[in-house]
Amino acid sequence: MGLNSDAHNVFRNVNRELSTEDIRMMNPISLAFIGDAVYELFVRTKIANGKLNSNKLHRNCSKIVRASAQSKFLEHIYEYLTDEEKSVIRRGRNAQSHTVPKNANLSDYRNATALESLFGYLYLLGRDNRLKDLISKLIIEDY
């Protein structure tokens, strides 16, 4: 059962005061903060099949949302991105974060931040079809 349009609009209307220009100018770390949740929700939705217990689902999800996997996914989809999306990726990759997780190298972490920035950007702009198009290129069996 999917979200009905009223439930979907509740989420879409949360940041209605943000203009397209506001979203374009948003700090990439803020975009990545939103994009992290969006990406994980897409991954959780994609792997949930009713056959695995919550522990196994969590472990499978963790493999896919870790920085190295996100970096690999970004490399896989990069050729499909528009110039606008590549610009968001560049901004996200160059964003200054003051921490790097202990289980990630700097290059993977920056690529993961870039991917999350893109997902946050597309989500805030309401480009759900584009998000679905990109996530459809994620091959779960690779993880």
N, C-alpha and C. Protein backbone atom coordinates (compact mmCIF):
# COMPACT_ATOMS: atom_id res chain seq x y z
N MET A 1 0.84 -1.18 0.00
CA MET A 1 0.00 0.00 0.00
C MET A 1 0.88 1.24 0.00
N GLY A 2 0.69 2.13 -0.94
CA GLY A 2 1.50 3.33 -1.04
C GLY A 2 0.88 4.47 -0.25
N LEU A 3 1.60 5.56 -0.17
CA LEU A 3 1.07 6.73 0.49
C LEU A 3 -0.04 7.33 -0.34
N ASN A 4 -1.14 7.69 0.31
CA ASN A 4 -2.15 8.39 -0.46
C ASN A 4 -1.66 9.81 -0.70
N SER A 5 -2.30 10.51 -1.58
CA SER A 5 -1.79 11.83 -1.96
C SER A 5 -1.78 12.79 -0.78
N ASP A 6 -2.74 12.69 0.15
CA ASP A 6 -2.74 13.58 1.31
C ASP A 6 -1.53 13.33 2.19
N ALA A 7 -1.20 12.06 2.44
CA ALA A 7 -0.04 11.74 3.26
C ALA A 7 1.24 12.19 2.57
N HIS A 8 1.32 11.98 1.27
CA HIS A 8 2.50 12.40 0.53
C HIS A 8 2.67 13.91 0.59
N ASN A 9 1.57 14.65 0.47
CA ASN A 9 1.63 16.10 0.51
C ASN A 9 2.07 16.64 1.86
N VAL A 10 1.79 15.91 2.94
CA VAL A 10 2.25 16.33 4.26
C VAL A 10 3.76 16.44 4.25
N PHE A 11 4.44 15.45 3.68
CA PHE A 11 5.89 15.49 3.62
C PHE A 11 6.38 16.56 2.66
N ARG A 12 5.76 16.71 1.53
CA ARG A 12 6.18 17.69 0.53
C ARG A 12 5.99 19.11 1.03
N ASN A 13 5.00 19.35 1.90
CA ASN A 13 4.70 20.70 2.33
C ASN A 13 5.53 21.16 3.53
N VAL A 14 6.38 20.28 4.05
CA VAL A 14 7.16 20.64 5.23
C VAL A 14 8.03 21.86 4.96
N ASN A 15 8.68 21.91 3.83
CA ASN A 15 9.56 23.04 3.51
C ASN A 15 9.04 23.85 2.33
N ARG A 16 7.79 24.07 2.30
CA ARG A 16 7.20 24.81 1.20
C ARG A 16 7.72 26.23 1.08
N GLU A 17 8.20 26.79 2.19
CA GLU A 17 8.70 28.17 2.14
C GLU A 17 10.04 28.27 1.41
N LEU A 18 10.67 27.13 1.15
CA LEU A 18 11.93 27.15 0.40
C LEU A 18 11.65 27.28 -1.10
N SER A 19 12.23 28.29 -1.70
CA SER A 19 12.09 28.46 -3.14
C SER A 19 13.11 27.58 -3.84
N THR A 20 12.95 27.43 -5.14
CA THR A 20 13.92 26.68 -5.93
C THR A 20 15.30 27.30 -5.77
N GLU A 21 15.36 28.61 -5.75
CA GLU A 21 16.65 29.30 -5.58
C GLU A 21 17.23 29.02 -4.19
N ASP A 22 16.38 29.02 -3.16
CA ASP A 22 16.86 28.70 -1.81
C ASP A 22 17.50 27.31 -1.79
N ILE A 23 16.86 26.36 -2.44
CA ILE A 23 17.36 24.98 -2.47
C ILE A 23 18.67 24.92 -3.25
N ARG A 24 18.75 25.62 -4.36
CA ARG A 24 19.98 25.63 -5.16
C ARG A 24 21.16 26.24 -4.39
N MET A 25 20.87 27.18 -3.51
CA MET A 25 21.93 27.87 -2.76
C MET A 25 22.21 27.21 -1.40
N MET A 26 21.45 26.19 -1.06
CA MET A 26 21.59 25.56 0.25
C MET A 26 22.97 24.94 0.43
N ASN A 27 23.45 25.00 1.63
CA ASN A 27 24.73 24.38 1.97
C ASN A 27 24.67 22.89 1.63
N PRO A 28 25.68 22.36 0.92
CA PRO A 28 25.66 20.95 0.53
C PRO A 28 25.61 19.98 1.72
N ILE A 29 26.13 20.40 2.86
CA ILE A 29 26.05 19.54 4.05
C ILE A 29 24.59 19.43 4.51
N SER A 30 23.83 20.50 4.40
CA SER A 30 22.40 20.45 4.73
C SER A 30 21.66 19.57 3.73
N LEU A 31 22.00 19.69 2.45
CA LEU A 31 21.39 18.82 1.44
C LEU A 31 21.73 17.36 1.73
N ALA A 32 22.98 17.10 2.12
CA ALA A 32 23.41 15.73 2.42
C ALA A 32 22.68 15.19 3.64
N PHE A 33 22.40 16.05 4.61
CA PHE A 33 21.66 15.65 5.81
C PHE A 33 20.29 15.11 5.43
N ILE A 34 19.60 15.81 4.54
CA ILE A 34 18.30 15.35 4.04
C ILE A 34 18.49 14.13 3.13
N GLY A 35 19.46 14.21 2.24
CA GLY A 35 19.69 13.14 1.27
C GLY A 35 20.06 11.81 1.91
N ASP A 36 20.74 11.85 3.04
CA ASP A 36 21.09 10.63 3.77
C ASP A 36 19.82 9.87 4.14
N ALA A 37 18.85 10.58 4.67
CA ALA A 37 17.59 9.95 5.06
C ALA A 37 16.81 9.45 3.85
N VAL A 38 16.79 10.25 2.80
CA VAL A 38 16.08 9.88 1.57
C VAL A 38 16.70 8.62 0.97
N TYR A 39 18.02 8.60 0.87
CA TYR A 39 18.73 7.45 0.29
C TYR A 39 18.48 6.19 1.12
N GLU A 40 18.60 6.32 2.44
CA GLU A 40 18.39 5.15 3.28
C GLU A 40 16.95 4.65 3.18
N LEU A 41 15.99 5.55 3.10
CA LEU A 41 14.59 5.12 2.94
C LEU A 41 14.39 4.39 1.63
N PHE A 42 14.98 4.88 0.55
CA PHE A 42 14.89 4.20 -0.74
C PHE A 42 15.51 2.81 -0.65
N VAL A 43 16.68 2.71 -0.03
CA VAL A 43 17.36 1.42 0.09
C VAL A 43 16.53 0.47 0.95
N ARG A 44 16.05 0.95 2.08
CA ARG A 44 15.23 0.09 2.96
C ARG A 44 13.99 -0.41 2.22
N THR A 45 13.37 0.47 1.47
CA THR A 45 12.19 0.09 0.71
C THR A 45 12.53 -0.96 -0.35
N LYS A 46 13.69 -0.78 -0.99
CA LYS A 46 14.09 -1.69 -2.06
C LYS A 46 14.44 -3.09 -1.53
N ILE A 47 15.03 -3.18 -0.34
CA ILE A 47 15.46 -4.49 0.16
C ILE A 47 14.39 -5.21 0.98
N ALA A 48 13.39 -4.48 1.44
CA ALA A 48 12.35 -5.11 2.26
C ALA A 48 11.48 -6.01 1.39
N ASN A 49 11.49 -7.28 1.72
CA ASN A 49 10.72 -8.23 0.91
C ASN A 49 9.84 -9.14 1.75
N GLY A 50 9.81 -8.92 3.06
CA GLY A 50 8.97 -9.73 3.92
C GLY A 50 9.57 -11.08 4.28
N LYS A 51 10.75 -11.38 3.78
CA LYS A 51 11.36 -12.68 4.03
C LYS A 51 12.49 -12.64 5.04
N LEU A 52 13.02 -11.45 5.33
CA LEU A 52 14.16 -11.33 6.22
C LEU A 52 13.75 -10.73 7.55
N ASN A 53 14.42 -11.15 8.62
CA ASN A 53 14.13 -10.55 9.91
C ASN A 53 14.79 -9.18 10.00
N SER A 54 14.46 -8.43 11.02
CA SER A 54 14.94 -7.05 11.11
C SER A 54 16.47 -6.97 11.23
N ASN A 55 17.08 -7.92 11.90
CA ASN A 55 18.54 -7.91 12.04
C ASN A 55 19.21 -8.07 10.68
N LYS A 56 18.72 -9.00 9.88
CA LYS A 56 19.30 -9.22 8.56
C LYS A 56 19.03 -8.03 7.63
N LEU A 57 17.85 -7.45 7.74
CA LEU A 57 17.54 -6.26 6.95
C LEU A 57 18.49 -5.12 7.31
N HIS A 58 18.72 -4.94 8.60
CA HIS A 58 19.63 -3.88 9.05
C HIS A 58 21.05 -4.11 8.52
N ARG A 59 21.53 -5.33 8.61
CA ARG A 59 22.88 -5.63 8.12
C ARG A 59 22.98 -5.41 6.61
N ASN A 60 21.97 -5.86 5.86
CA ASN A 60 21.98 -5.65 4.41
C ASN A 60 21.93 -4.17 4.06
N CYS A 61 21.09 -3.44 4.76
CA CYS A 61 20.97 -2.00 4.52
C CYS A 61 22.30 -1.30 4.83
N SER A 62 22.93 -1.67 5.93
CA SER A 62 24.19 -1.04 6.33
C SER A 62 25.27 -1.23 5.28
N LYS A 63 25.28 -2.37 4.62
CA LYS A 63 26.28 -2.62 3.56
C LYS A 63 26.08 -1.66 2.40
N ILE A 64 24.84 -1.31 2.13
CA ILE A 64 24.52 -0.50 0.96
C ILE A 64 24.64 1.00 1.24
N VAL A 65 24.39 1.41 2.47
CA VAL A 65 24.41 2.85 2.77
C VAL A 65 25.75 3.32 3.32
N ARG A 66 26.71 2.42 3.51
CA ARG A 66 28.03 2.87 3.98
C ARG A 66 28.72 3.69 2.87
N ALA A 67 29.68 4.48 3.29
CA ALA A 67 30.34 5.43 2.38
C ALA A 67 30.96 4.74 1.16
N SER A 68 31.63 3.62 1.34
CA SER A 68 32.27 2.95 0.20
C SER A 68 31.25 2.49 -0.83
N ALA A 69 30.10 2.01 -0.38
CA ALA A 69 29.05 1.57 -1.30
C ALA A 69 28.41 2.76 -2.00
N GLN A 70 28.20 3.85 -1.27
CA GLN A 70 27.64 5.04 -1.90
C GLN A 70 28.60 5.61 -2.94
N SER A 71 29.88 5.57 -2.64
CA SER A 71 30.89 6.05 -3.59
C SER A 71 30.85 5.21 -4.87
N LYS A 72 30.76 3.92 -4.71
CA LYS A 72 30.68 3.00 -5.86
C LYS A 72 29.40 3.28 -6.67
N PHE A 73 28.30 3.49 -5.98
CA PHE A 73 27.03 3.78 -6.66
C PHE A 73 27.12 5.09 -7.43
N LEU A 74 27.74 6.11 -6.83
CA LEU A 74 27.91 7.39 -7.52
C LEU A 74 28.71 7.22 -8.80
N GLU A 75 29.77 6.45 -8.74
CA GLU A 75 30.56 6.18 -9.96
C GLU A 75 29.71 5.50 -11.02
N HIS A 76 28.83 4.60 -10.59
CA HIS A 76 27.97 3.85 -11.51
C HIS A 76 26.96 4.76 -12.22
N ILE A 77 26.41 5.73 -11.50
CA ILE A 77 25.35 6.57 -12.10
C ILE A 77 25.87 7.87 -12.70
N TYR A 78 27.13 8.22 -12.48
CA TYR A 78 27.63 9.53 -12.87
C TYR A 78 27.35 9.87 -14.33
N GLU A 79 27.53 8.91 -15.21
CA GLU A 79 27.31 9.17 -16.64
C GLU A 79 25.86 9.49 -16.97
N TYR A 80 24.94 9.13 -16.10
CA TYR A 80 23.51 9.38 -16.33
C TYR A 80 23.05 10.73 -15.79
N LEU A 81 23.94 11.44 -15.09
CA LEU A 81 23.55 12.69 -14.45
C LEU A 81 23.55 13.85 -15.43
N THR A 82 22.67 14.80 -15.18
CA THR A 82 22.62 16.03 -15.97
C THR A 82 23.73 16.96 -15.50
N ASP A 83 23.98 18.01 -16.25
CA ASP A 83 24.98 19.00 -15.85
C ASP A 83 24.61 19.64 -14.51
N GLU A 84 23.34 19.92 -14.32
CA GLU A 84 22.87 20.50 -13.05
C GLU A 84 23.16 19.54 -11.89
N GLU A 85 22.88 18.26 -12.09
CA GLU A 85 23.12 17.27 -11.04
C GLU A 85 24.62 17.11 -10.77
N LYS A 86 25.43 17.15 -11.81
CA LYS A 86 26.88 17.06 -11.63
C LYS A 86 27.40 18.27 -10.85
N SER A 87 26.79 19.42 -11.04
CA SER A 87 27.17 20.60 -10.28
C SER A 87 26.88 20.40 -8.79
N VAL A 88 25.73 19.81 -8.48
CA VAL A 88 25.39 19.51 -7.08
C VAL A 88 26.39 18.50 -6.52
N ILE A 89 26.75 17.51 -7.31
CA ILE A 89 27.74 16.51 -6.90
C ILE A 89 29.07 17.19 -6.58
N ARG A 90 29.53 18.08 -7.45
CA ARG A 90 30.80 18.79 -7.21
C ARG A 90 30.76 19.57 -5.91
N ARG A 91 29.66 20.28 -5.70
CA ARG A 91 29.52 21.07 -4.46
C ARG A 91 29.52 20.15 -3.24
N GLY A 92 28.81 19.04 -3.34
CA GLY A 92 28.77 18.10 -2.22
C GLY A 92 30.12 17.46 -1.94
N ARG A 93 30.85 17.13 -2.99
CA ARG A 93 32.17 16.51 -2.84
C ARG A 93 33.16 17.49 -2.20
N ASN A 94 33.01 18.76 -2.53
CA ASN A 94 33.94 19.77 -2.03
C ASN A 94 33.54 20.38 -0.70
N ALA A 95 32.39 19.99 -0.19
CA ALA A 95 31.90 20.54 1.08
C ALA A 95 32.86 20.17 2.22
N GLN A 96 33.09 21.11 3.08
CA GLN A 96 34.00 20.88 4.20
C GLN A 96 33.24 20.28 5.38
N SER A 97 33.53 19.03 5.65
CA SER A 97 33.00 18.38 6.83
C SER A 97 34.16 18.23 7.80
N HIS A 98 33.89 18.39 9.05
CA HIS A 98 34.97 18.38 10.03
C HIS A 98 35.23 16.99 10.60
N THR A 99 34.48 16.01 10.13
CA THR A 99 34.70 14.65 10.61
C THR A 99 34.67 13.67 9.44
N VAL A 100 35.34 12.57 9.61
CA VAL A 100 35.29 11.46 8.66
C VAL A 100 35.06 10.21 9.50
N PRO A 101 34.04 9.41 9.17
CA PRO A 101 33.80 8.20 9.96
C PRO A 101 35.04 7.31 9.99
N LYS A 102 35.20 6.60 11.09
CA LYS A 102 36.40 5.78 11.25
C LYS A 102 36.47 4.64 10.25
N ASN A 103 35.34 4.24 9.67
CA ASN A 103 35.33 3.11 8.74
C ASN A 103 35.30 3.54 7.27
N ALA A 104 35.65 4.79 6.99
CA ALA A 104 35.60 5.27 5.61
C ALA A 104 36.87 6.05 5.28
N ASN A 105 37.33 5.90 4.04
CA ASN A 105 38.45 6.75 3.64
C ASN A 105 37.89 8.09 3.15
N LEU A 106 38.74 9.09 3.07
CA LEU A 106 38.29 10.44 2.74
C LEU A 106 37.63 10.53 1.38
N SER A 107 38.17 9.85 0.38
CA SER A 107 37.60 9.89 -0.96
C SER A 107 36.19 9.31 -0.98
N ASP A 108 36.01 8.15 -0.37
CA ASP A 108 34.67 7.53 -0.30
C ASP A 108 33.71 8.42 0.47
N TYR A 109 34.18 9.00 1.55
CA TYR A 109 33.31 9.85 2.37
C TYR A 109 32.86 11.08 1.59
N ARG A 110 33.75 11.68 0.83
CA ARG A 110 33.38 12.86 0.03
C ARG A 110 32.40 12.48 -1.08
N ASN A 111 32.63 11.33 -1.71
CA ASN A 111 31.69 10.88 -2.74
C ASN A 111 30.33 10.56 -2.14
N ALA A 112 30.31 9.96 -0.96
CA ALA A 112 29.05 9.64 -0.30
C ALA A 112 28.31 10.93 0.05
N THR A 113 29.03 11.93 0.54
CA THR A 113 28.42 13.22 0.84
C THR A 113 27.86 13.85 -0.43
N ALA A 114 28.58 13.70 -1.53
CA ALA A 114 28.12 14.24 -2.81
C ALA A 114 26.81 13.56 -3.25
N LEU A 115 26.78 12.23 -3.14
CA LEU A 115 25.56 11.49 -3.52
C LEU A 115 24.39 11.89 -2.63
N GLU A 116 24.64 11.99 -1.34
CA GLU A 116 23.57 12.39 -0.42
C GLU A 116 23.10 13.81 -0.71
N SER A 117 24.03 14.69 -1.08
CA SER A 117 23.65 16.06 -1.45
C SER A 117 22.71 16.05 -2.64
N LEU A 118 23.03 15.22 -3.63
CA LEU A 118 22.18 15.11 -4.80
C LEU A 118 20.79 14.60 -4.43
N PHE A 119 20.73 13.57 -3.60
CA PHE A 119 19.44 13.03 -3.21
C PHE A 119 18.63 14.05 -2.40
N GLY A 120 19.29 14.80 -1.54
CA GLY A 120 18.60 15.86 -0.79
C GLY A 120 18.08 16.95 -1.70
N TYR A 121 18.90 17.34 -2.66
CA TYR A 121 18.54 18.37 -3.63
C TYR A 121 17.31 17.95 -4.44
N LEU A 122 17.36 16.75 -4.99
CA LEU A 122 16.24 16.27 -5.80
C LEU A 122 14.97 16.12 -4.98
N TYR A 123 15.13 15.64 -3.75
CA TYR A 123 13.96 15.47 -2.88
C TYR A 123 13.32 16.82 -2.57
N LEU A 124 14.13 17.79 -2.17
CA LEU A 124 13.57 19.10 -1.81
C LEU A 124 12.92 19.79 -3.00
N LEU A 125 13.43 19.53 -4.20
CA LEU A 125 12.81 20.09 -5.40
C LEU A 125 11.57 19.33 -5.84
N GLY A 126 11.29 18.20 -5.19
CA GLY A 126 10.12 17.40 -5.53
C GLY A 126 10.31 16.56 -6.78
N ARG A 127 11.53 16.25 -7.13
CA ARG A 127 11.82 15.47 -8.33
C ARG A 127 11.86 13.97 -8.01
N ASP A 128 10.71 13.48 -7.55
CA ASP A 128 10.61 12.08 -7.13
C ASP A 128 10.86 11.11 -8.27
N ASN A 129 10.38 11.43 -9.45
CA ASN A 129 10.61 10.51 -10.58
C ASN A 129 12.09 10.38 -10.90
N ARG A 130 12.82 11.46 -10.78
CA ARG A 130 14.26 11.40 -11.02
C ARG A 130 14.95 10.58 -9.93
N LEU A 131 14.54 10.77 -8.70
CA LEU A 131 15.08 9.96 -7.60
C LEU A 131 14.84 8.47 -7.86
N LYS A 132 13.61 8.14 -8.25
CA LYS A 132 13.29 6.73 -8.53
C LYS A 132 14.11 6.20 -9.70
N ASP A 133 14.31 7.03 -10.70
CA ASP A 133 15.11 6.63 -11.86
C ASP A 133 16.55 6.30 -11.43
N LEU A 134 17.13 7.16 -10.61
CA LEU A 134 18.51 6.93 -10.18
C LEU A 134 18.62 5.71 -9.27
N ILE A 135 17.71 5.59 -8.31
CA ILE A 135 17.80 4.47 -7.37
C ILE A 135 17.52 3.14 -8.08
N SER A 136 16.80 3.18 -9.20
CA SER A 136 16.55 1.95 -9.94
C SER A 136 17.85 1.38 -10.52
N LYS A 137 18.88 2.20 -10.60
CA LYS A 137 20.17 1.75 -11.12
C LYS A 137 21.03 1.08 -10.03
N LEU A 138 20.55 1.11 -8.80
CA LEU A 138 21.26 0.45 -7.70
C LEU A 138 21.04 -1.04 -7.80
N ILE A 139 22.12 -1.78 -7.92
CA ILE A 139 22.04 -3.23 -8.04
C ILE A 139 22.39 -3.82 -6.68
N ILE A 140 21.36 -4.27 -5.98
CA ILE A 140 21.50 -4.76 -4.61
C ILE A 140 22.47 -5.93 -4.54
N GLU A 141 22.48 -6.78 -5.54
CA GLU A 141 23.32 -7.97 -5.51
C GLU A 141 24.81 -7.63 -5.44
N ASP A 142 25.18 -6.42 -5.82
CA ASP A 142 26.58 -6.00 -5.76
C ASP A 142 27.08 -5.84 -4.32
N TYR A 143 26.16 -5.83 -3.37
CA TYR A 143 26.54 -5.57 -1.98
C TYR A 143 26.26 -6.80 -1.18
